[in-house]
C-alpha atoms as a PDB file:
ATOM      1  CA  MET A   1       0.000   0.000   0.000  1.00  0.00           C
ATOM      2  CA  LEU A   2       1.233   3.474  -0.862  1.00  0.00           C
ATOM      3  CA  PRO A   3       1.817   5.973   1.887  1.00  0.00           C
ATOM      4  CA  ALA A   4      -0.785   8.691   2.065  1.00  0.00           C
ATOM      5  CA  LEU A   5       0.217  12.045   0.655  1.00  0.00           C
ATOM      6  CA  PRO A   6      -0.089  14.986   2.958  1.00  0.00           C
ATOM      7  CA  SER A   7      -3.139  17.056   2.209  1.00  0.00           C
ATOM      8  CA  PRO A   8      -2.427  20.536   0.779  1.00  0.00           C
ATOM      9  CA  THR A   9      -2.888  23.359   3.164  1.00  0.00           C
ATOM     10  CA  ASP A  10      -4.611  26.602   2.292  1.00  0.00           C
ATOM     11  CA  THR A  11      -1.243  28.348   1.859  1.00  0.00           C
ATOM     12  CA  ASP A  12      -0.002  25.705  -0.623  1.00  0.00           C
ATOM     13  CA  ARG A  13      -3.069  26.105  -2.803  1.00  0.00           C
ATOM     14  CA  ALA A  14      -2.677  29.882  -3.082  1.00  0.00           C
ATOM     15  CA  VAL A  15       0.855  29.686  -4.498  1.00  0.00           C
ATOM     16  CA  SER A  16      -0.072  28.100  -7.841  1.00  0.00           C
ATOM     17  CA  PRO A  17      -2.739  30.625  -8.901  1.00  0.00           C
ATOM     18  CA  ALA A  18      -0.589  33.567  -7.789  1.00  0.00           C
ATOM     19  CA  LEU A  19       2.447  32.235  -9.665  1.00  0.00           C
ATOM     20  CA  GLY A  20       0.290  31.580 -12.749  1.00  0.00           C
ATOM     21  CA  ALA A  21      -1.052  35.135 -12.651  1.00  0.00           C
ATOM     22  CA  VAL A  22       2.466  36.594 -12.416  1.00  0.00           C
ATOM     23  CA  VAL A  23       3.678  34.482 -15.362  1.00  0.00           C
ATOM     24  CA  LEU A  24       0.604  35.437 -17.430  1.00  0.00           C
ATOM     25  CA  VAL A  25       1.128  39.157 -16.751  1.00  0.00           C
ATOM     26  CA  GLY A  26       4.826  38.822 -17.673  1.00  0.00           C
ATOM     27  CA  ILE A  27       4.012  37.118 -20.977  1.00  0.00           C
ATOM     28  CA  THR A  28       1.372  39.763 -21.766  1.00  0.00           C
ATOM     29  CA  VAL A  29       3.808  42.613 -21.087  1.00  0.00           C
ATOM     30  CA  ALA A  30       6.518  40.980 -23.241  1.00  0.00           C
ATOM     31  CA  VAL A  31       4.155  40.426 -26.182  1.00  0.00           C
ATOM     32  CA  ALA A  32       2.818  43.991 -25.898  1.00  0.00           C
ATOM     33  CA  ALA A  33       6.381  45.361 -25.904  1.00  0.00           C
ATOM     34  CA  VAL A  34       7.328  43.395 -29.038  1.00  0.00           C
ATOM     35  CA  VAL A  35       4.153  44.368 -30.920  1.00  0.00           C
ATOM     36  CA  GLY A  36       4.383  48.007 -29.802  1.00  0.00           C
ATOM     37  CA  THR A  37       8.006  48.267 -30.897  1.00  0.00           C
ATOM     38  CA  ALA A  38       7.223  46.790 -34.318  1.00  0.00           C
ATOM     39  CA  LEU A  39       4.246  49.104 -34.859  1.00  0.00           C
ATOM     40  CA  LEU A  40       6.102  52.169 -33.628  1.00  0.00           C
ATOM     41  CA  GLY A  41       9.015  51.347 -35.945  1.00  0.00           C
ATOM     42  CA  GLN A  42       6.651  51.131 -38.930  1.00  0.00           C
ATOM     43  CA  ALA A  43       4.899  54.355 -37.970  1.00  0.00           C
ATOM     44  CA  THR A  44       8.219  56.152 -37.642  1.00  0.00           C
ATOM     45  CA  ALA A  45       9.423  54.899 -41.038  1.00  0.00           C
ATOM     46  CA  LEU A  46       6.183  55.901 -42.749  1.00  0.00           C
ATOM     47  CA  GLY A  47       5.529  59.068 -40.760  1.00  0.00           C
ATOM     48  CA  GLY A  48       8.929  60.690 -41.169  1.00  0.00           C
ATOM     49  CA  PRO A  49       9.632  63.383 -43.721  1.00  0.00           C
ATOM     50  CA  ALA A  50       9.360  62.257 -47.332  1.00  0.00           C
ATOM     51  CA  PRO A  51      12.580  62.313 -49.320  1.00  0.00           C
ATOM     52  CA  THR A  52      13.133  65.234 -51.667  1.00  0.00           C
ATOM     53  CA  ALA A  53      14.317  63.966 -55.036  1.00  0.00           C
ATOM     54  CA  THR A  54      14.011  64.506 -58.780  1.00  0.00           C
ATOM     55  CA  PHE A  55      13.354  61.808 -61.358  1.00  0.00           C
ATOM     56  CA  ASP A  56      13.387  61.370 -65.134  1.00  0.00           C
ATOM     57  CA  LEU A  57      10.815  59.274 -66.995  1.00  0.00           C
ATOM     58  CA  SER A  58      11.056  57.622 -70.395  1.00  0.00           C
ATOM     59  CA  ALA A  59       8.887  55.094 -72.217  1.00  0.00           C
ATOM     60  CA  GLU A  60       9.617  53.115 -75.352  1.00  0.00           C
ATOM     61  CA  GLY A  61       7.122  50.471 -76.461  1.00  0.00           C
ATOM     62  CA  ASP A  62       6.075  48.547 -73.340  1.00  0.00           C
ATOM     63  CA  ARG A  63       9.192  49.573 -71.372  1.00  0.00           C
ATOM     64  CA  ILE A  64       9.055  52.298 -68.688  1.00  0.00           C
ATOM     65  CA  THR A  65      12.277  53.621 -67.152  1.00  0.00           C
ATOM     66  CA  ILE A  66      12.427  55.925 -64.151  1.00  0.00           C
ATOM     67  CA  SER A  67      15.815  57.374 -63.209  1.00  0.00           C
ATOM     68  CA  HIS A  68      16.735  58.979 -59.890  1.00  0.00           C
ATOM     69  CA  ALA A  69      18.220  62.268 -61.129  1.00  0.00           C
ATOM     70  CA  GLY A  70      19.032  64.032 -57.858  1.00  0.00           C
ATOM     71  CA  GLY A  71      18.259  64.592 -54.207  1.00  0.00           C
ATOM     72  CA  ASP A  72      17.777  62.245 -51.271  1.00  0.00           C
ATOM     73  CA  PRO A  73      17.983  58.461 -51.513  1.00  0.00           C
ATOM     74  CA  VAL A  74      14.517  56.875 -51.552  1.00  0.00           C
ATOM     75  CA  GLY A  75      13.737  53.891 -49.314  1.00  0.00           C
ATOM     76  CA  LEU A  76      12.050  51.253 -51.452  1.00  0.00           C
ATOM     77  CA  ASP A  77      10.203  49.704 -48.501  1.00  0.00           C
ATOM     78  CA  ALA A  78       7.838  52.702 -48.396  1.00  0.00           C
ATOM     79  CA  LEU A  79       7.693  53.414 -52.152  1.00  0.00           C
ATOM     80  CA  ARG A  80       4.477  53.055 -54.148  1.00  0.00           C
ATOM     81  CA  ILE A  81       4.116  53.677 -57.898  1.00  0.00           C
ATOM     82  CA  GLU A  82       0.910  54.594 -59.762  1.00  0.00           C
ATOM     83  CA  ILE A  83       0.994  54.445 -63.552  1.00  0.00           C
ATOM     84  CA  GLY A  84      -1.613  55.937 -65.884  1.00  0.00           C
ATOM     85  CA  VAL A  85      -2.053  56.028 -69.656  1.00  0.00           C
ATOM     86  CA  ASP A  86      -4.008  58.887 -71.255  1.00  0.00           C
ATOM     87  CA  GLY A  87      -5.564  59.783 -67.898  1.00  0.00           C
ATOM     88  CA  GLU A  88      -6.609  56.235 -66.971  1.00  0.00           C
ATOM     89  CA  LYS A  89      -4.782  54.260 -64.282  1.00  0.00           C
ATOM     90  CA  LEU A  90      -3.443  50.827 -65.199  1.00  0.00           C
ATOM     91  CA  ALA A  91      -5.681  48.010 -64.003  1.00  0.00           C
ATOM     92  CA  HIS A  92      -2.652  46.374 -62.337  1.00  0.00           C
ATOM     93  CA  GLN A  93      -0.132  48.623 -60.596  1.00  0.00           C
ATOM     94  CA  PRO A  94       3.427  47.439 -59.932  1.00  0.00           C
ATOM     95  CA  PRO A  95       4.348  46.500 -56.382  1.00  0.00           C
ATOM     96  CA  VAL A  96       7.798  47.678 -55.304  1.00  0.00           C
ATOM     97  CA  PRO A  97      10.019  45.755 -55.319  1.00  0.00           C
ATOM     98  CA  PHE A  98       8.738  42.824 -57.374  1.00  0.00           C
ATOM     99  CA  PHE A  99       9.965  40.010 -59.537  1.00  0.00           C
ATOM    100  CA  ALA A 100       6.817  38.811 -61.273  1.00  0.00           C
ATOM    101  CA  ALA A 101       3.530  40.670 -60.957  1.00  0.00           C
ATOM    102  CA  GLU A 102       0.206  40.538 -62.742  1.00  0.00           C
ATOM    103  CA  GLY A 103       0.094  42.976 -65.647  1.00  0.00           C
ATOM    104  CA  PHE A 104       3.875  43.121 -66.113  1.00  0.00           C
ATOM    105  CA  HIS A 105       6.429  41.102 -68.110  1.00  0.00           C
ATOM    106  CA  GLY A 106       8.904  39.140 -65.986  1.00  0.00           C
ATOM    107  CA  GLY A 107      11.046  40.889 -63.454  1.00  0.00           C
ATOM    108  CA  PRO A 108      11.988  44.534 -63.559  1.00  0.00           C
ATOM    109  CA  SER A 109      15.568  45.693 -63.564  1.00  0.00           C
ATOM    110  CA  GLY A 110      17.353  48.136 -61.321  1.00  0.00           C
ATOM    111  CA  ALA A 111      15.660  49.726 -58.328  1.00  0.00           C
ATOM    112  CA  PHE A 112      12.357  47.842 -58.706  1.00  0.00           C
ATOM    113  CA  ASN A 113      13.944  44.373 -58.568  1.00  0.00           C
ATOM    114  CA  PRO A 114      14.006  42.734 -55.099  1.00  0.00           C
ATOM    115  CA  GLU A 115      17.680  41.782 -55.557  1.00  0.00           C
ATOM    116  CA  THR A 116      18.815  45.428 -55.438  1.00  0.00           C
ATOM    117  CA  ASP A 117      19.599  47.634 -52.451  1.00  0.00           C
ATOM    118  CA  ASP A 118      16.819  48.879 -50.179  1.00  0.00           C
ATOM    119  CA  GLU A 119      17.545  52.470 -51.196  1.00  0.00           C
ATOM    120  CA  TRP A 120      17.204  54.068 -54.613  1.00  0.00           C
ATOM    121  CA  ALA A 121      20.158  56.435 -55.003  1.00  0.00           C
ATOM    122  CA  VAL A 122      21.043  59.189 -57.471  1.00  0.00           C
ATOM    123  CA  GLY A 123      22.121  57.768 -60.828  1.00  0.00           C
ATOM    124  CA  GLU A 124      20.170  54.516 -60.437  1.00  0.00           C
ATOM    125  CA  SER A 125      17.238  53.567 -62.653  1.00  0.00           C
ATOM    126  CA  GLY A 126      14.344  51.178 -62.463  1.00  0.00           C
ATOM    127  CA  THR A 127      12.834  49.634 -65.582  1.00  0.00           C
ATOM    128  CA  LEU A 128       9.647  47.608 -65.930  1.00  0.00           C
ATOM    129  CA  ARG A 129       7.649  46.304 -68.869  1.00  0.00           C
ATOM    130  CA  VAL A 130       3.859  46.603 -69.009  1.00  0.00           C
ATOM    131  CA  ALA A 131       2.167  43.457 -70.356  1.00  0.00           C
ATOM    132  CA  GLY A 132      -0.448  43.618 -73.087  1.00  0.00           C
ATOM    133  CA  THR A 133      -2.882  42.062 -70.587  1.00  0.00           C
ATOM    134  CA  ASN A 134      -2.779  45.242 -68.499  1.00  0.00           C
ATOM    135  CA  ASP A 135      -5.339  47.877 -69.402  1.00  0.00           C
ATOM    136  CA  PRO A 136      -4.906  50.372 -70.937  1.00  0.00           C
ATOM    137  CA  THR A 137      -1.944  49.270 -73.030  1.00  0.00           C
ATOM    138  CA  LEU A 138       1.031  51.472 -73.842  1.00  0.00           C
ATOM    139  CA  GLU A 139       0.673  52.680 -77.426  1.00  0.00           C
ATOM    140  CA  PRO A 140       3.092  54.993 -79.269  1.00  0.00           C
ATOM    141  CA  GLY A 141       2.102  58.606 -78.684  1.00  0.00           C
ATOM    142  CA  ALA A 142       0.054  57.866 -75.550  1.00  0.00           C
ATOM    143  CA  ARG A 143       0.518  60.176 -72.544  1.00  0.00           C
ATOM    144  CA  LEU A 144       2.178  58.194 -69.743  1.00  0.00           C
ATOM    145  CA  THR A 145       1.959  59.490 -66.180  1.00  0.00           C
ATOM    146  CA  VAL A 146       3.821  58.069 -63.203  1.00  0.00           C
ATOM    147  CA  GLU A 147       3.319  59.181 -59.631  1.00  0.00           C
ATOM    148  CA  LEU A 148       5.736  58.152 -56.896  1.00  0.00           C
ATOM    149  CA  PHE A 149       4.574  57.995 -53.282  1.00  0.00           C
ATOM    150  CA  HIS A 150       6.738  57.471 -50.221  1.00  0.00           C
ATOM    151  CA  GLY A 151       4.910  56.539 -47.039  1.00  0.00           C
ATOM    152  CA  GLY A 152       1.665  57.887 -48.466  1.00  0.00           C
ATOM    153  CA  LYS A 153       3.177  61.239 -49.501  1.00  0.00           C
ATOM    154  CA  ARG A 154       3.556  62.043 -53.201  1.00  0.00           C
ATOM    155  CA  ILE A 155       7.207  62.769 -53.944  1.00  0.00           C
ATOM    156  CA  ALA A 156       7.027  63.014 -57.747  1.00  0.00           C
ATOM    157  CA  SER A 157       4.551  63.366 -60.583  1.00  0.00           C
ATOM    158  CA  LEU A 158       6.091  62.549 -63.969  1.00  0.00           C
ATOM    159  CA  SER A 159       4.726  62.591 -67.510  1.00  0.00           C
ATOM    160  CA  THR A 160       5.991  61.733 -70.994  1.00  0.00           C
ATOM    161  CA  ARG A 161       4.825  60.447 -74.370  1.00  0.00           C
ATOM    162  CA  VAL A 162       5.333  56.782 -75.211  1.00  0.00           C
ATOM    163  CA  GLY A 163       7.825  56.411 -78.036  1.00  0.00           C
END
């Protein structure tokens, strides 16, 4: 026969719930700190001043090239591009950076390719090719407009004719 275990006293029973509550509060505080830091870091990156830069735009056939002509480097993590043809936005806009995206041929080169640096510096270009499945299509003589946004703030509005 097994010896009888001593019965828990009132003080023994109170230790487990109190310890559990302390551990639960500690875990909650740690998770809140990690989430808060991540969100604050994103808000700081997106809420800071937008870079001041100048760009050049060219278009030949289905190929669009945007060159960083001067000013501050542009962080690609907060960059958004909107492309329009003759006043109508493309049905599929390019994510930045991307390798293959709906409405575009293959991977872009330069700044828009995910294999490049995280910052777009003076003298660097990004080239992408609009697929014929995107609407409207790039036709010779069409007015191409490109707007660049950084963290929700427009940093450039460019326009040219498709050659």
